[in-house]
């Protein structure tokens, strides 16, 4: 228990007498200091019991005494011990009155009690309190270590941590998603700290931050990043009603160390899983489905029993894109773990490839995240049997190419296959081609009579039927034949060539 003024006042060997501020004796004494200065404030840190004999105290100047007491209170002094029988036979009445008005506890120190005795008593109490905190911290560390060895280690550890703190605790993955919380009701509260987690994500671990508790609570919350690398591998948040004391900090530090050790020990396993996922995907792309099935074993075996979809994402913004791709991978993997779904995530240079069952929730999560991330572009295949993953890969590549051309975050292959080809003509390169191809005809129409562009459009839209096209234009079919010969002469290309007709029709659509 922290040392208080009341503890010193009741210390039988010290024989201190309370002269003023008796209602403030619950204040914690962090240290003791002796000074005869008129203003010792610059040499104090706050929380001290100040001892003085009043050597420079002007007894006949109440104004000076009031200023002295005011300066002590402003410096954070929790109490004033006034030694009598040296300079003053008793504490000056003006000092007693000023201390009472300022709410500053004033203790009379008899001549028989040397100041060093008070210093020893304070030092011994502070040391005992620190020893108690350290001992409690070691005991809590043993308790947390036993919990961490439980089959469900993280959840058990959080439960013991919350109990030791008389508060709540939550564990987050690298993406900021709550993995576990204790007590159970704390999960919803912890989920509301996502913004605070985001602010720590770019700070190399370990790092910590004291944050405001969720709205509607009076929690004091601290968030700690977990891991030893540039990117945190997870986060721990603790919420309490009171500020964490020394013993509580030992407990939190022990939890951080155990969780970090667990995460770092799992890094090798995760790296091995990543290499296995990459090897499996290479087998699938090579058409070696049965080989992949036998190698995957129980870890990914069920993935090959159903149709799958493949998502490919790459940075569209060279600055923020790589971070967006990494975050997409983390959150997709976390969603797969929570849902106990098999998921292949493979980094291929700046790209990310995600393969999962067509109805996997983790795949839907990845698609939603990709669609909401402005710094990347993604394409997703339609459902294909595991044996046709190469086709799924081609579908995802085509969808990604469309996403990049259209400036979209996500395009699905079904959307490309079922939609019109005309939106693809919005590409700048296509527009430039169309403008260059039709420019001679537009220049002719601007300087001569003939309406060659409109005539060409009508003729192509009616599949070369002269009468129907001429009727649309309101001209004789011989006039239209003449105009089409002029188109051929100006362009130097034959309209009998189906490729020429196709290019001209697409150019007219793109230039519309």
Protein backbone atom coordinates (compact mmCIF):
# COMPACT_ATOMS: atom_id res chain seq x y z
CA UNK A 1 0.00 0.00 0.00
CA UNK A 2 1.45 3.44 -0.89
CA UNK A 3 2.75 5.54 2.00
CA UNK A 4 0.38 8.34 3.10
CA UNK A 5 0.64 11.27 5.47
CA UNK A 6 -1.77 9.46 7.76
CA UNK A 7 0.72 6.57 8.03
CA UNK A 8 3.43 9.00 9.15
CA UNK A 9 1.12 10.87 11.52
CA UNK A 10 0.22 7.59 13.22
CA UNK A 11 3.82 6.36 13.31
CA UNK A 12 4.39 5.94 17.06
CA UNK A 13 8.17 6.48 16.92
CA UNK A 14 7.93 9.80 15.07
CA UNK A 15 5.47 11.50 17.45
CA UNK A 16 4.17 13.92 14.83
CA UNK A 17 1.24 16.23 15.56
CA UNK A 18 -1.25 17.34 12.94
CA UNK A 19 -1.70 21.14 13.14
CA UNK A 20 -3.67 21.77 9.91
CA UNK A 21 -5.10 19.96 6.91
CA UNK A 22 -6.20 16.89 8.83
CA UNK A 23 -8.73 16.07 6.09
CA UNK A 24 -5.91 15.72 3.54
CA UNK A 25 -3.85 13.05 5.28
CA UNK A 26 -4.76 10.47 2.67
CA UNK A 27 -2.30 12.08 0.22
CA UNK A 28 0.44 9.74 -1.01
CA UNK A 29 4.01 10.62 0.01
CA UNK A 30 6.40 9.83 -2.82
CA UNK A 31 9.51 11.20 -1.08
CA UNK A 32 10.74 13.49 1.71
CA UNK A 33 12.92 16.57 1.31
CA UNK A 34 14.46 19.12 3.69
CA UNK A 35 14.79 22.77 2.66
CA UNK A 36 15.04 26.17 4.34
CA UNK A 37 14.61 28.09 1.08
CA UNK A 38 11.87 30.69 0.71
CA UNK A 39 10.86 28.95 -2.55
CA UNK A 40 12.03 25.34 -2.80
CA UNK A 41 9.57 24.63 -5.67
CA UNK A 42 12.16 24.59 -8.49
CA UNK A 43 13.96 21.73 -6.71
CA UNK A 44 10.90 19.54 -6.18
CA UNK A 45 9.05 17.07 -8.42
CA UNK A 46 5.74 16.97 -6.56
CA UNK A 47 4.44 14.48 -4.02
CA UNK A 48 7.06 15.32 -1.39
CA UNK A 49 6.73 15.87 2.36
CA UNK A 50 8.82 19.01 2.91
CA UNK A 51 10.69 19.39 6.23
CA UNK A 52 11.80 22.78 7.55
CA UNK A 53 12.77 24.49 10.81
CA UNK A 54 11.49 27.86 9.52
CA UNK A 55 15.00 29.31 9.57
CA UNK A 56 14.08 32.05 7.09
CA UNK A 57 10.43 32.26 7.97
CA UNK A 58 9.49 35.85 8.79
CA UNK A 59 7.15 35.26 11.73
CA UNK A 60 5.90 38.82 11.83
CA UNK A 61 4.95 38.94 8.16
CA UNK A 62 1.69 37.01 7.54
CA UNK A 63 1.71 38.03 3.87
CA UNK A 64 5.11 36.41 3.38
CA UNK A 65 3.94 33.24 5.14
CA UNK A 66 0.82 33.02 2.96
CA UNK A 67 2.98 33.38 -0.14
CA UNK A 68 5.33 30.69 1.16
CA UNK A 69 2.48 28.24 1.70
CA UNK A 70 1.00 29.10 -1.69
CA UNK A 71 4.32 28.37 -3.40
CA UNK A 72 4.58 24.99 -1.70
CA UNK A 73 1.07 24.01 -2.75
CA UNK A 74 1.81 25.09 -6.34
CA UNK A 75 4.95 22.92 -6.34
CA UNK A 76 2.88 19.83 -5.48
CA UNK A 77 4.08 19.46 -1.89
CA UNK A 78 1.67 17.06 -0.13
CA UNK A 79 2.57 18.12 3.41
CA UNK A 80 4.83 20.38 5.47
CA UNK A 81 6.73 19.05 8.49
CA UNK A 82 7.69 21.93 10.79
CA UNK A 83 10.48 21.20 13.25
CA UNK A 84 10.07 23.01 16.60
CA UNK A 85 12.61 23.65 19.34
CA UNK A 86 15.35 24.75 16.95
CA UNK A 87 14.44 28.16 15.52
CA UNK A 88 10.84 28.39 16.70
CA UNK A 89 9.42 26.99 19.91
CA UNK A 90 6.15 26.34 18.15
CA UNK A 91 4.68 26.62 14.69
CA UNK A 92 3.78 30.29 13.99
CA UNK A 93 0.00 30.83 14.18
CA UNK A 94 0.13 32.60 10.80
CA UNK A 95 1.64 29.43 9.28
CA UNK A 96 -1.03 27.22 10.82
CA UNK A 97 -3.76 29.54 9.52
CA UNK A 98 -2.26 29.79 6.01
CA UNK A 99 -1.81 26.01 5.76
CA UNK A 100 -5.40 25.45 6.85
CA UNK A 101 -6.73 27.86 4.26
CA UNK A 102 -4.59 26.33 1.51
CA UNK A 103 -5.59 22.78 2.47
CA UNK A 104 -1.89 21.90 3.01
CA UNK A 105 -1.37 19.38 5.84
CA UNK A 106 0.98 20.82 8.50
CA UNK A 107 2.74 18.38 10.84
CA UNK A 108 4.66 19.46 13.93
CA UNK A 109 7.97 17.63 14.33
CA UNK A 110 9.20 17.61 17.94
CA UNK A 111 12.81 18.40 18.83
CA UNK A 112 13.34 14.76 19.81
CA UNK A 113 12.51 13.52 16.32
CA UNK A 114 15.39 14.19 13.92
CA UNK A 115 14.49 14.84 10.32
CA UNK A 116 16.64 11.87 9.32
CA UNK A 117 14.25 9.60 11.22
CA UNK A 118 11.37 10.78 9.04
CA UNK A 119 13.50 10.34 5.92
CA UNK A 120 14.33 6.77 6.94
CA UNK A 121 10.69 6.01 7.65
CA UNK A 122 9.63 7.33 4.25
CA UNK A 123 12.49 5.54 2.45
CA UNK A 124 11.67 2.24 4.19
CA UNK A 125 7.96 2.54 3.33
CA UNK A 126 8.68 3.38 -0.32
CA UNK A 127 11.12 0.47 -0.57
CA UNK A 128 8.60 -1.88 1.02
CA UNK A 129 5.91 -0.71 -1.40
CA UNK A 130 8.22 -1.23 -4.38
CA UNK A 131 9.25 -4.67 -3.10
CA UNK A 132 5.60 -5.58 -2.70
CA UNK A 133 4.89 -4.39 -6.26
CA UNK A 134 7.81 -6.39 -7.64
CA UNK A 135 6.78 -9.48 -5.70
CA UNK A 136 3.19 -9.14 -6.89
CA UNK A 137 4.48 -8.64 -10.42
CA UNK A 138 6.55 -11.83 -10.29
CA UNK A 139 3.60 -13.78 -8.92
CA UNK A 140 1.36 -12.34 -11.66
CA UNK A 141 3.98 -13.25 -14.26
CA UNK A 142 3.98 -16.86 -13.06
CA UNK A 143 0.19 -16.86 -13.16
CA UNK A 144 0.16 -15.46 -16.72
CA UNK A 145 2.83 -17.94 -17.81
CA UNK A 146 0.73 -20.84 -16.57
CA UNK A 147 -2.25 -19.41 -18.43
CA UNK A 148 -0.20 -19.01 -21.63
CA UNK A 149 0.59 -22.75 -21.54
CA UNK A 150 -3.13 -23.54 -21.66
CA UNK A 151 -4.34 -25.09 -24.96
CA UNK A 152 -6.22 -21.85 -25.56
CA UNK A 153 -3.30 -19.80 -24.30
CA UNK A 154 -4.12 -16.29 -25.50
CA UNK A 155 -7.70 -16.36 -24.25
CA UNK A 156 -6.67 -17.79 -20.87
CA UNK A 157 -3.87 -15.23 -20.54
CA UNK A 158 -6.25 -12.36 -21.27
CA UNK A 159 -8.69 -13.63 -18.65
CA UNK A 160 -5.98 -13.74 -15.96
CA UNK A 161 -4.63 -10.33 -17.05
CA UNK A 162 -8.08 -8.73 -16.78
CA UNK A 163 -8.53 -10.27 -13.32
CA UNK A 164 -5.19 -8.95 -12.07
CA UNK A 165 -6.00 -5.46 -13.33
CA UNK A 166 -9.64 -5.50 -12.20
CA UNK A 167 -10.42 -4.29 -15.71
CA UNK A 168 -10.53 -5.71 -19.22
CA UNK A 169 -8.03 -6.80 -21.85
CA UNK A 170 -8.21 -7.43 -25.60
CA UNK A 171 -5.89 -8.96 -28.18
CA UNK A 172 -5.87 -7.73 -31.80
CA UNK A 173 -4.24 -9.17 -34.89
CA UNK A 174 -1.92 -7.16 -37.11
CA UNK A 175 -4.86 -5.70 -39.03
CA UNK A 176 -6.52 -4.39 -35.85
CA UNK A 177 -9.27 -7.00 -35.67
CA UNK A 178 -10.20 -8.20 -32.18
CA UNK A 179 -9.11 -11.83 -31.74
CA UNK A 180 -10.09 -12.29 -28.10
CA UNK A 181 -11.26 -10.21 -25.15
CA UNK A 182 -11.81 -10.75 -21.44
CA UNK A 183 -14.25 -10.53 -19.81
CA UNK A 184 -16.56 -11.50 -22.65
CA UNK A 185 -18.46 -8.20 -22.53
CA UNK A 186 -15.25 -6.31 -23.34
CA UNK A 187 -15.20 -7.48 -26.97
CA UNK A 188 -17.62 -4.82 -28.16
CA UNK A 189 -15.80 -2.13 -26.21
CA UNK A 190 -12.44 -3.20 -27.60
CA UNK A 191 -13.75 -3.14 -31.18
CA UNK A 192 -14.40 0.59 -30.85
CA UNK A 193 -10.67 1.30 -30.55
CA UNK A 194 -9.86 0.52 -34.20
CA UNK A 195 -8.77 4.10 -34.89
CA UNK A 196 -6.25 4.01 -32.05
CA UNK A 197 -4.85 0.72 -33.36
CA UNK A 198 -4.40 2.29 -36.81
CA UNK A 199 -2.26 5.06 -35.32
CA UNK A 200 0.17 2.54 -33.79
CA UNK A 201 0.41 0.34 -36.88
CA UNK A 202 3.06 2.46 -38.59
CA UNK A 203 5.23 2.74 -35.45
CA UNK A 204 7.91 0.00 -35.11
CA UNK A 205 7.12 -2.42 -32.28
CA UNK A 206 7.25 -2.33 -29.34
CA UNK A 207 5.34 0.89 -28.82
CA UNK A 208 2.55 2.00 -26.53
CA UNK A 209 0.00 4.78 -26.24
CA UNK A 210 -2.42 5.93 -23.57
CA UNK A 211 -5.75 6.70 -25.24
CA UNK A 212 -9.19 7.88 -24.27
CA UNK A 213 -11.61 5.07 -23.56
CA UNK A 214 -14.57 4.40 -25.84
CA UNK A 215 -17.32 7.03 -25.68
CA UNK A 216 -19.72 6.46 -22.82
CA UNK A 217 -17.06 4.87 -20.58
CA UNK A 218 -14.61 6.21 -18.03
CA UNK A 219 -11.92 3.70 -18.95
CA UNK A 220 -8.26 4.52 -18.90
CA UNK A 221 -6.96 2.57 -21.88
CA UNK A 222 -3.42 1.70 -22.89
CA UNK A 223 -2.55 0.03 -26.20
CA UNK A 224 0.69 -1.90 -26.69
CA UNK A 225 2.03 -3.14 -30.01
CA UNK A 226 3.38 -6.69 -30.07
CA UNK A 227 6.37 -7.97 -32.03
CA UNK A 228 9.99 -7.09 -32.66
CA UNK A 229 9.97 -6.16 -36.34
CA UNK A 230 9.16 -3.05 -38.33
CA UNK A 231 5.50 -4.00 -38.55
CA UNK A 232 3.62 -4.96 -35.37
CA UNK A 233 2.33 -8.52 -35.38
CA UNK A 234 -0.54 -7.71 -33.03
CA UNK A 235 -1.77 -5.35 -30.33
CA UNK A 236 -2.81 -5.60 -26.67
CA UNK A 237 -5.25 -3.14 -25.10
CA UNK A 238 -6.06 -2.92 -21.40
CA UNK A 239 -8.77 -0.82 -19.81
CA UNK A 240 -9.01 0.11 -16.13
CA UNK A 241 -10.89 2.62 -14.00
CA UNK A 242 -7.70 3.88 -12.32
CA UNK A 243 -4.27 4.73 -13.65
CA UNK A 244 -1.95 1.72 -13.73
CA UNK A 245 0.31 1.57 -10.66
CA UNK A 246 3.74 -0.07 -10.47
CA UNK A 247 2.38 -3.55 -9.75
CA UNK A 248 -0.14 -3.30 -12.61
CA UNK A 249 2.60 -2.25 -15.01
CA UNK A 250 4.62 -5.34 -14.11
CA UNK A 251 1.56 -7.42 -14.96
CA UNK A 252 0.99 -5.68 -18.32
CA UNK A 253 4.68 -5.90 -19.25
CA UNK A 254 4.65 -9.62 -18.45
CA UNK A 255 1.60 -10.11 -20.69
CA UNK A 256 3.25 -8.15 -23.51
CA UNK A 257 6.40 -10.27 -23.24
CA UNK A 258 4.47 -13.56 -23.28
CA UNK A 259 2.25 -12.55 -26.19
CA UNK A 260 5.22 -11.23 -28.17
CA UNK A 261 7.13 -14.47 -27.54
CA UNK A 262 4.13 -16.46 -28.75
CA UNK A 263 3.83 -14.36 -31.89
CA UNK A 264 7.54 -14.52 -32.68
CA UNK A 265 7.64 -18.28 -32.14
CA UNK A 266 4.77 -18.64 -34.59
CA UNK A 267 6.62 -16.57 -37.21
CA UNK A 268 8.62 -19.59 -38.40
CA UNK A 269 5.43 -21.62 -38.71
CA UNK A 270 3.72 -18.81 -40.61
CA UNK A 271 6.71 -18.48 -42.95
CA UNK A 272 6.56 -22.22 -43.58
CA UNK A 273 2.83 -21.97 -44.28
CA UNK A 274 3.49 -19.13 -46.73
CA UNK A 275 6.07 -21.22 -48.59
CA UNK A 276 3.68 -24.16 -48.67
CA UNK A 277 0.87 -21.94 -49.98
CA UNK A 278 3.14 -20.62 -52.74
CA UNK A 279 4.18 -24.16 -53.71
CA UNK A 280 0.57 -25.34 -53.79
CA UNK A 281 -0.47 -22.44 -55.99
CA UNK A 282 2.39 -23.18 -58.41
CA UNK A 283 1.22 -26.80 -58.59
CA UNK A 284 -2.36 -25.73 -59.26
CA UNK A 285 -1.27 -23.29 -61.98
CA UNK A 286 0.76 -26.10 -63.55
CA UNK A 287 -2.31 -28.33 -63.60
CA UNK A 288 -0.95 -30.68 -60.91
CA UNK A 289 -4.15 -30.73 -58.85
CA UNK A 290 -3.77 -34.22 -57.40
CA UNK A 291 -0.16 -33.53 -56.47
CA UNK A 292 -1.27 -30.37 -54.69
CA UNK A 293 -4.02 -32.27 -52.90
CA UNK A 294 -1.59 -34.87 -51.57
CA UNK A 295 0.95 -32.27 -50.45
CA UNK A 296 -1.59 -30.02 -48.71
CA UNK A 297 -2.69 -32.74 -46.30
CA UNK A 298 -5.10 -31.63 -43.59
CA UNK A 299 -4.03 -27.98 -43.69
CA UNK A 300 -5.60 -27.14 -47.06
CA UNK A 301 -7.14 -30.47 -48.10
CA UNK A 302 -10.79 -29.34 -48.02
CA UNK A 303 -9.91 -26.48 -50.37
CA UNK A 304 -9.75 -28.94 -53.27
CA UNK A 305 -13.22 -30.40 -52.71
CA UNK A 306 -15.17 -27.40 -54.04
CA UNK A 307 -14.98 -24.76 -56.79
CA UNK A 308 -12.55 -21.97 -55.99
CA UNK A 309 -12.02 -18.35 -56.97
CA UNK A 310 -8.77 -16.48 -57.38
CA UNK A 311 -8.23 -12.80 -56.54
CA UNK A 312 -5.15 -10.90 -57.76
CA UNK A 313 -4.35 -7.48 -56.28
CA UNK A 314 -1.53 -5.10 -57.06
CA UNK A 315 -0.67 -1.47 -56.13
CA UNK A 316 -2.26 1.21 -58.27
CA UNK A 317 -0.54 3.90 -56.19
CA UNK A 318 3.26 3.41 -55.89
CA UNK A 319 3.35 5.26 -52.58
CA UNK A 320 0.47 3.79 -50.58
CA UNK A 321 -0.25 0.71 -52.68
CA UNK A 322 2.33 -1.70 -51.15
CA UNK A 323 1.00 -0.96 -47.66
CA UNK A 324 -2.57 -1.52 -48.88
CA UNK A 325 -1.61 -4.89 -50.37
CA UNK A 326 0.08 -5.96 -47.11
CA UNK A 327 -2.96 -4.90 -45.10
CA UNK A 328 -5.25 -6.80 -47.47
CA UNK A 329 -3.20 -9.96 -46.92
CA UNK A 330 -3.25 -9.57 -43.13
CA UNK A 331 -6.99 -9.03 -42.92
CA UNK A 332 -7.84 -11.82 -45.34
CA UNK A 333 -5.70 -14.26 -43.35
CA UNK A 334 -7.23 -13.07 -40.07
CA UNK A 335 -10.74 -13.55 -41.47
CA UNK A 336 -9.82 -17.07 -42.60
CA UNK A 337 -8.48 -17.94 -39.13
CA UNK A 338 -11.61 -16.63 -37.42
CA UNK A 339 -13.86 -18.58 -39.78
CA UNK A 340 -11.61 -21.70 -39.79
CA UNK A 341 -11.55 -21.58 -43.62
CA UNK A 342 -8.66 -22.77 -45.81
CA UNK A 343 -7.13 -19.86 -47.70
CA UNK A 344 -4.03 -19.54 -49.88
CA UNK A 345 -2.37 -16.12 -49.80
CA UNK A 346 0.78 -15.74 -51.87
CA UNK A 347 2.93 -12.66 -52.37
CA UNK A 348 4.34 -12.47 -55.91
CA UNK A 349 6.55 -9.39 -55.91
CA UNK A 350 4.23 -6.42 -55.39
CA UNK A 351 1.21 -8.59 -56.12
CA UNK A 352 -1.00 -10.61 -53.80
CA UNK A 353 -2.80 -13.78 -54.94
CA UNK A 354 -5.67 -15.11 -52.82
CA UNK A 355 -7.27 -18.49 -53.52
CA UNK A 356 -10.28 -19.74 -51.56
CA UNK A 357 -13.53 -21.65 -51.91
CA UNK A 358 -16.04 -19.69 -53.95
CA UNK A 359 -18.33 -19.14 -50.94
CA UNK A 360 -15.58 -18.51 -48.36
CA UNK A 361 -16.28 -15.60 -46.06
CA UNK A 362 -12.58 -14.72 -46.01
CA UNK A 363 -12.65 -14.30 -49.78
CA UNK A 364 -15.66 -11.98 -49.49
CA UNK A 365 -13.75 -10.02 -46.86
CA UNK A 366 -10.74 -9.73 -49.17
CA UNK A 367 -12.96 -8.59 -52.05
CA UNK A 368 -14.69 -5.98 -49.88
CA UNK A 369 -11.35 -4.67 -48.62
CA UNK A 370 -9.96 -4.51 -52.17
CA UNK A 371 -13.02 -2.63 -53.39
CA UNK A 372 -12.61 -0.08 -50.60
CA UNK A 373 -8.87 0.45 -51.00
CA UNK A 374 -8.11 3.31 -53.38
CA UNK A 375 -4.38 2.50 -53.49
CA UNK A 376 -4.74 -0.87 -55.21
CA UNK A 377 -6.49 -2.59 -58.11
CA UNK A 378 -7.80 -6.14 -58.03
CA UNK A 379 -9.39 -8.68 -60.34
CA UNK A 380 -11.30 -11.78 -59.28
CA UNK A 381 -12.09 -14.88 -61.30
CA UNK A 382 -15.37 -16.71 -61.51
CA UNK A 383 -15.79 -20.07 -59.75
CA UNK A 384 -13.67 -22.81 -61.31
CA UNK A 385 -12.96 -26.43 -60.31
CA UNK A 386 -9.54 -26.88 -58.65
CA UNK A 387 -8.34 -28.63 -61.80
CA UNK A 388 -9.08 -25.44 -63.79
CA UNK A 389 -7.18 -22.98 -61.59
CA UNK A 390 -5.02 -21.95 -64.62
CA UNK A 391 -8.20 -20.71 -66.31
CA UNK A 392 -9.22 -18.97 -63.09
CA UNK A 393 -5.84 -17.28 -63.04
CA UNK A 394 -6.33 -16.04 -66.62
CA UNK A 395 -9.80 -14.75 -65.69
CA UNK A 396 -8.42 -12.86 -62.68
CA UNK A 397 -5.62 -11.40 -64.81
CA UNK A 398 -8.11 -10.15 -67.41
CA UNK A 399 -10.34 -8.68 -64.72
CA UNK A 400 -7.32 -6.97 -63.14
CA UNK A 401 -6.32 -5.49 -66.50
CA UNK A 402 -9.83 -4.06 -66.86
CA UNK A 403 -9.69 -2.65 -63.33
CA UNK A 404 -6.42 -0.90 -64.11
CA UNK A 405 -7.75 0.53 -67.39
CA UNK A 406 -10.98 1.74 -65.86
CA UNK A 407 -9.33 3.10 -62.72
CA UNK A 408 -11.44 0.82 -60.54
CA UNK A 409 -10.46 -0.94 -57.32
CA UNK A 410 -12.07 -4.30 -58.07
CA UNK A 411 -13.47 -5.96 -61.19
CA UNK A 412 -14.89 -9.49 -61.20
CA UNK A 413 -14.58 -11.71 -64.25
CA UNK A 414 -18.32 -12.34 -64.34
CA UNK A 415 -18.78 -8.60 -64.73
CA UNK A 416 -16.35 -8.49 -67.65
CA UNK A 417 -17.83 -11.56 -69.35
CA UNK A 418 -21.46 -10.57 -68.98
CA UNK A 419 -21.04 -6.88 -69.70
CA UNK A 420 -20.57 -4.97 -72.91
CA UNK A 421 -17.20 -4.45 -74.55
CA UNK A 422 -18.03 -0.79 -75.08
CA UNK A 423 -16.95 0.40 -71.60
CA UNK A 424 -13.50 -0.92 -72.41
CA UNK A 425 -13.26 1.69 -75.17
CA UNK A 426 -12.95 4.40 -72.53
CA UNK A 427 -9.22 3.73 -72.38
CA UNK A 428 -7.14 6.79 -73.36
CA UNK A 429 -5.10 4.78 -75.85
CA UNK A 430 -8.27 3.56 -77.60
CA UNK A 431 -9.61 7.11 -77.77
CA UNK A 432 -6.35 8.33 -79.28
CA UNK A 433 -6.47 5.55 -81.90
CA UNK A 434 -10.08 6.40 -82.77
CA UNK A 435 -9.34 10.09 -83.07
CA UNK A 436 -6.37 9.44 -85.35
CA UNK A 437 -8.29 6.98 -87.55
CA UNK A 438 -11.28 9.28 -88.09
CA UNK A 439 -9.41 12.59 -88.26
CA UNK A 440 -9.07 12.62 -92.11
CA UNK A 441 -12.81 12.06 -92.49
CA UNK A 442 -13.67 14.80 -89.98
CA UNK A 443 -11.29 17.21 -91.69
CA UNK A 444 -12.98 16.43 -95.02
CA UNK A 445 -16.43 17.05 -93.53
CA UNK A 446 -15.26 20.34 -92.05
CA UNK A 447 -14.09 21.71 -95.41
CA UNK A 448 -16.29 19.93 -97.94
CA UNK A 449 -19.77 18.66 -98.33
CA UNK A 450 -20.42 14.97 -97.91
CA UNK A 451 -21.00 14.09 -94.27
CA UNK A 452 -18.66 11.15 -94.57
CA UNK A 453 -18.54 10.32 -90.83
CA UNK A 454 -22.33 10.23 -90.47
CA UNK A 455 -22.66 8.26 -93.69
CA UNK A 456 -20.05 5.73 -92.53
CA UNK A 457 -21.86 5.33 -89.20
CA UNK A 458 -25.21 4.73 -90.90
CA UNK A 459 -23.76 2.25 -93.41
CA UNK A 460 -21.94 0.23 -90.72
CA UNK A 461 -24.92 0.24 -88.35
CA UNK A 462 -27.04 -1.33 -91.15
CA UNK A 463 -24.35 -3.94 -91.94
CA UNK A 464 -23.61 -2.45 -95.38
CA UNK A 465 -27.25 -2.46 -96.54
CA UNK A 466 -27.35 0.46 -98.98
CA UNK A 467 -31.07 1.10 -99.11
CA UNK A 468 -31.64 1.05 -95.33
CA UNK A 469 -28.60 3.25 -94.63
CA UNK A 470 -29.52 5.72 -97.39
CA UNK A 471 -33.06 5.94 -96.05
CA UNK A 472 -31.74 6.83 -92.61
CA UNK A 473 -29.60 9.56 -94.10
CA UNK A 474 -32.33 10.81 -96.44
CA UNK A 475 -30.13 10.45 -99.53
CA UNK A 476 -30.17 8.28 -102.65
CA UNK A 477 -28.26 5.02 -102.39
CA UNK A 478 -25.99 6.09 -105.27
CA UNK A 479 -25.01 9.13 -103.22
CA UNK A 480 -24.17 6.85 -100.30
CA UNK A 481 -22.10 4.57 -102.58
CA UNK A 482 -20.13 7.61 -103.73
CA UNK A 483 -19.51 8.69 -100.16
CA UNK A 484 -18.25 5.22 -99.16
CA UNK A 485 -15.81 5.26 -102.14
CA UNK A 486 -14.56 8.64 -100.88
CA UNK A 487 -14.07 7.09 -97.40
CA UNK A 488 -11.96 4.34 -98.94
CA UNK A 489 -9.94 6.85 -100.97
CA UNK A 490 -9.28 9.14 -98.00
CA UNK A 491 -8.38 6.33 -95.58
CA UNK A 492 -6.59 4.22 -98.15
CA UNK A 493 -8.42 1.13 -96.83
CA UNK A 494 -11.06 -1.16 -98.31
CA UNK A 495 -14.45 -1.43 -96.66
CA UNK A 496 -14.69 -4.97 -98.01
CA UNK A 497 -12.17 -5.97 -95.32
CA UNK A 498 -14.09 -7.09 -92.17
CA UNK A 499 -11.17 -6.03 -89.94
CA UNK A 500 -11.35 -2.51 -91.38
CA UNK A 501 -15.10 -2.36 -90.80
CA UNK A 502 -14.63 -3.60 -87.21
CA UNK A 503 -11.93 -1.01 -86.46
CA UNK A 504 -13.98 1.81 -87.95
CA UNK A 505 -17.08 0.80 -85.98
CA UNK A 506 -15.16 0.64 -82.68
CA UNK A 507 -13.50 3.95 -83.51
CA UNK A 508 -16.90 5.56 -84.06
CA UNK A 509 -18.11 4.16 -80.69
CA UNK A 510 -15.00 5.27 -78.84
CA UNK A 511 -15.05 8.72 -80.38
CA UNK A 512 -18.77 9.24 -79.77
